[in-house]
Amino acid sequence: MKQIKVAVRKKGSKSAQEFSEADNELKQTLERLAKKGLNPMQMCQKLIEHEVKHPGSGDWTYDRVVEECERLKV
């Protein structure tokens, strides 16, 4: 008799997707800001105020905060 192995995961989750150390730190920062109830514009202001660097080049904007939140699933 043959055995069948089954891998179960949540719909849409990617097991191969690994975040770098910088991504993990940014995700934690965004989660803390979201937990305080801040909207993306307020989060943007706090990131600039505390001099958190954007992973790419340039400064933080509303669109970049929303994009990073979606990418990191915050």
C-alpha atoms as a PDB file:
ATOM      1  CA  MET A   1       0.000   0.000   0.000  1.00  0.00           C
ATOM      2  CA  LYS A   2       1.323   3.455  -0.940  1.00  0.00           C
ATOM      3  CA  GLN A   3       1.322   6.369   1.480  1.00  0.00           C
ATOM      4  CA  ILE A   4       0.213   9.827   0.464  1.00  0.00           C
ATOM      5  CA  LYS A   5       1.700  12.920   2.066  1.00  0.00           C
ATOM      6  CA  VAL A   6      -0.435  16.038   2.258  1.00  0.00           C
ATOM      7  CA  ALA A   7       0.717  19.559   3.116  1.00  0.00           C
ATOM      8  CA  VAL A   8      -1.990  21.829   4.500  1.00  0.00           C
ATOM      9  CA  ARG A   9      -1.604  25.624   4.558  1.00  0.00           C
ATOM     10  CA  LYS A  10      -3.785  28.674   4.638  1.00  0.00           C
ATOM     11  CA  LYS A  11      -5.176  29.861   1.354  1.00  0.00           C
ATOM     12  CA  GLY A  12      -2.875  32.454  -0.169  1.00  0.00           C
ATOM     13  CA  SER A  13       0.053  31.817   2.165  1.00  0.00           C
ATOM     14  CA  LYS A  14       3.419  31.222   0.622  1.00  0.00           C
ATOM     15  CA  SER A  15       5.760  28.973   2.549  1.00  0.00           C
ATOM     16  CA  ALA A  16       8.671  29.915   0.285  1.00  0.00           C
ATOM     17  CA  GLN A  17       8.353  33.626   1.069  1.00  0.00           C
ATOM     18  CA  GLU A  18      11.067  34.575   3.550  1.00  0.00           C
ATOM     19  CA  PHE A  19      11.533  38.056   4.948  1.00  0.00           C
ATOM     20  CA  SER A  20      14.939  39.567   5.580  1.00  0.00           C
ATOM     21  CA  GLU A  21      15.980  40.904   8.978  1.00  0.00           C
ATOM     22  CA  ALA A  22      15.219  44.473   7.875  1.00  0.00           C
ATOM     23  CA  ASP A  23      11.751  43.415   6.685  1.00  0.00           C
ATOM     24  CA  ASN A  24      11.062  41.739  10.037  1.00  0.00           C
ATOM     25  CA  GLU A  25      12.050  44.895  11.928  1.00  0.00           C
ATOM     26  CA  LEU A  26       9.905  47.070   9.659  1.00  0.00           C
ATOM     27  CA  LYS A  27       6.970  44.687  10.044  1.00  0.00           C
ATOM     28  CA  GLN A  28       7.241  44.852  13.833  1.00  0.00           C
ATOM     29  CA  THR A  29       7.390  48.646  13.717  1.00  0.00           C
ATOM     30  CA  LEU A  30       4.339  48.873  11.443  1.00  0.00           C
ATOM     31  CA  GLU A  31       2.437  46.389  13.622  1.00  0.00           C
ATOM     32  CA  ARG A  32       3.168  48.458  16.745  1.00  0.00           C
ATOM     33  CA  LEU A  33       1.945  51.624  15.024  1.00  0.00           C
ATOM     34  CA  ALA A  34      -1.184  49.863  13.723  1.00  0.00           C
ATOM     35  CA  LYS A  35      -1.874  48.451  17.188  1.00  0.00           C
ATOM     36  CA  LYS A  36      -1.946  52.019  18.536  1.00  0.00           C
ATOM     37  CA  GLY A  37      -4.794  52.691  16.104  1.00  0.00           C
ATOM     38  CA  LEU A  38      -2.880  54.990  13.773  1.00  0.00           C
ATOM     39  CA  ASN A  39      -4.006  55.386  10.184  1.00  0.00           C
ATOM     40  CA  PRO A  40      -1.438  55.167   7.334  1.00  0.00           C
ATOM     41  CA  MET A  41      -0.945  58.956   7.228  1.00  0.00           C
ATOM     42  CA  GLN A  42      -0.186  59.081  10.955  1.00  0.00           C
ATOM     43  CA  MET A  43       2.080  56.048  10.568  1.00  0.00           C
ATOM     44  CA  CYS A  44       3.940  57.887   7.809  1.00  0.00           C
ATOM     45  CA  GLN A  45       4.469  60.896  10.068  1.00  0.00           C
ATOM     46  CA  LYS A  46       5.743  58.719  12.931  1.00  0.00           C
ATOM     47  CA  LEU A  47       8.164  56.854  10.640  1.00  0.00           C
ATOM     48  CA  ILE A  48       9.590  60.160   9.416  1.00  0.00           C
ATOM     49  CA  GLU A  49       9.672  61.598  12.950  1.00  0.00           C
ATOM     50  CA  HIS A  50      11.627  58.603  14.303  1.00  0.00           C
ATOM     51  CA  GLU A  51      13.888  58.520  11.234  1.00  0.00           C
ATOM     52  CA  VAL A  52      12.986  54.979  10.174  1.00  0.00           C
ATOM     53  CA  LYS A  53      14.565  54.353   6.779  1.00  0.00           C
ATOM     54  CA  HIS A  54      12.442  53.206   3.849  1.00  0.00           C
ATOM     55  CA  PRO A  55      13.685  49.857   2.477  1.00  0.00           C
ATOM     56  CA  GLY A  56      14.033  51.387  -0.982  1.00  0.00           C
ATOM     57  CA  SER A  57      15.395  54.799  -1.723  1.00  0.00           C
ATOM     58  CA  GLY A  58      13.506  57.952  -0.843  1.00  0.00           C
ATOM     59  CA  ASP A  59      11.291  59.149   1.966  1.00  0.00           C
ATOM     60  CA  TRP A  60       8.114  57.715   3.441  1.00  0.00           C
ATOM     61  CA  THR A  61       4.835  58.685   1.788  1.00  0.00           C
ATOM     62  CA  TYR A  62       1.256  57.582   2.366  1.00  0.00           C
ATOM     63  CA  ASP A  63       1.365  55.289  -0.673  1.00  0.00           C
ATOM     64  CA  ARG A  64       4.633  53.688   0.419  1.00  0.00           C
ATOM     65  CA  VAL A  65       3.261  52.983   3.912  1.00  0.00           C
ATOM     66  CA  VAL A  66       0.158  51.344   2.440  1.00  0.00           C
ATOM     67  CA  GLU A  67       2.304  49.367  -0.022  1.00  0.00           C
ATOM     68  CA  GLU A  68       4.625  48.081   2.728  1.00  0.00           C
ATOM     69  CA  CYS A  69       1.670  47.183   4.972  1.00  0.00           C
ATOM     70  CA  GLU A  70       0.144  45.119   2.169  1.00  0.00           C
ATOM     71  CA  ARG A  71       3.468  43.484   1.274  1.00  0.00           C
ATOM     72  CA  LEU A  72       4.268  42.570   4.874  1.00  0.00           C
ATOM     73  CA  LYS A  73       0.612  41.708   5.634  1.00  0.00           C
ATOM     74  CA  VAL A  74       0.228  44.093   8.557  1.00  0.00           C
END
